[in-house]
């Protein structure tokens, strides 16, 4: 139940980002659902590998390179899915920051409403 709710709320977060920020465009709720699943998959599989490979750069930049990794994953998801458009790398950076912030709020709210 919790996973399904996170998936639906993640899709709503993507739609909210597309509504508020012009650099990210999502066709419809169906595309947002697919994008939420794809982002979760890429963040689970690809992001740790990218962090491991770029660890020296991340240390040198005091962790700021993690923002670039998040933007790359967000941009990759947009390039893999029709109907999910990110206009530039800067838009991917802003979109990934907004998506991460909204996901933090969603996870915090779900933890309070549905404790494990």
Foldseek 3Di string as FASTA:
>chain_A
DLVVVLLLLLLVLLVVCVVVDVQKFAQDSVLSSVLSVQLVVCCVPVLVVVCVVCVVVCVVVVNPCSLLSLLVSQCVSQVVGPRIGGNDSVSSSVSSVSSVVSSVVVVVVCCVVPPD
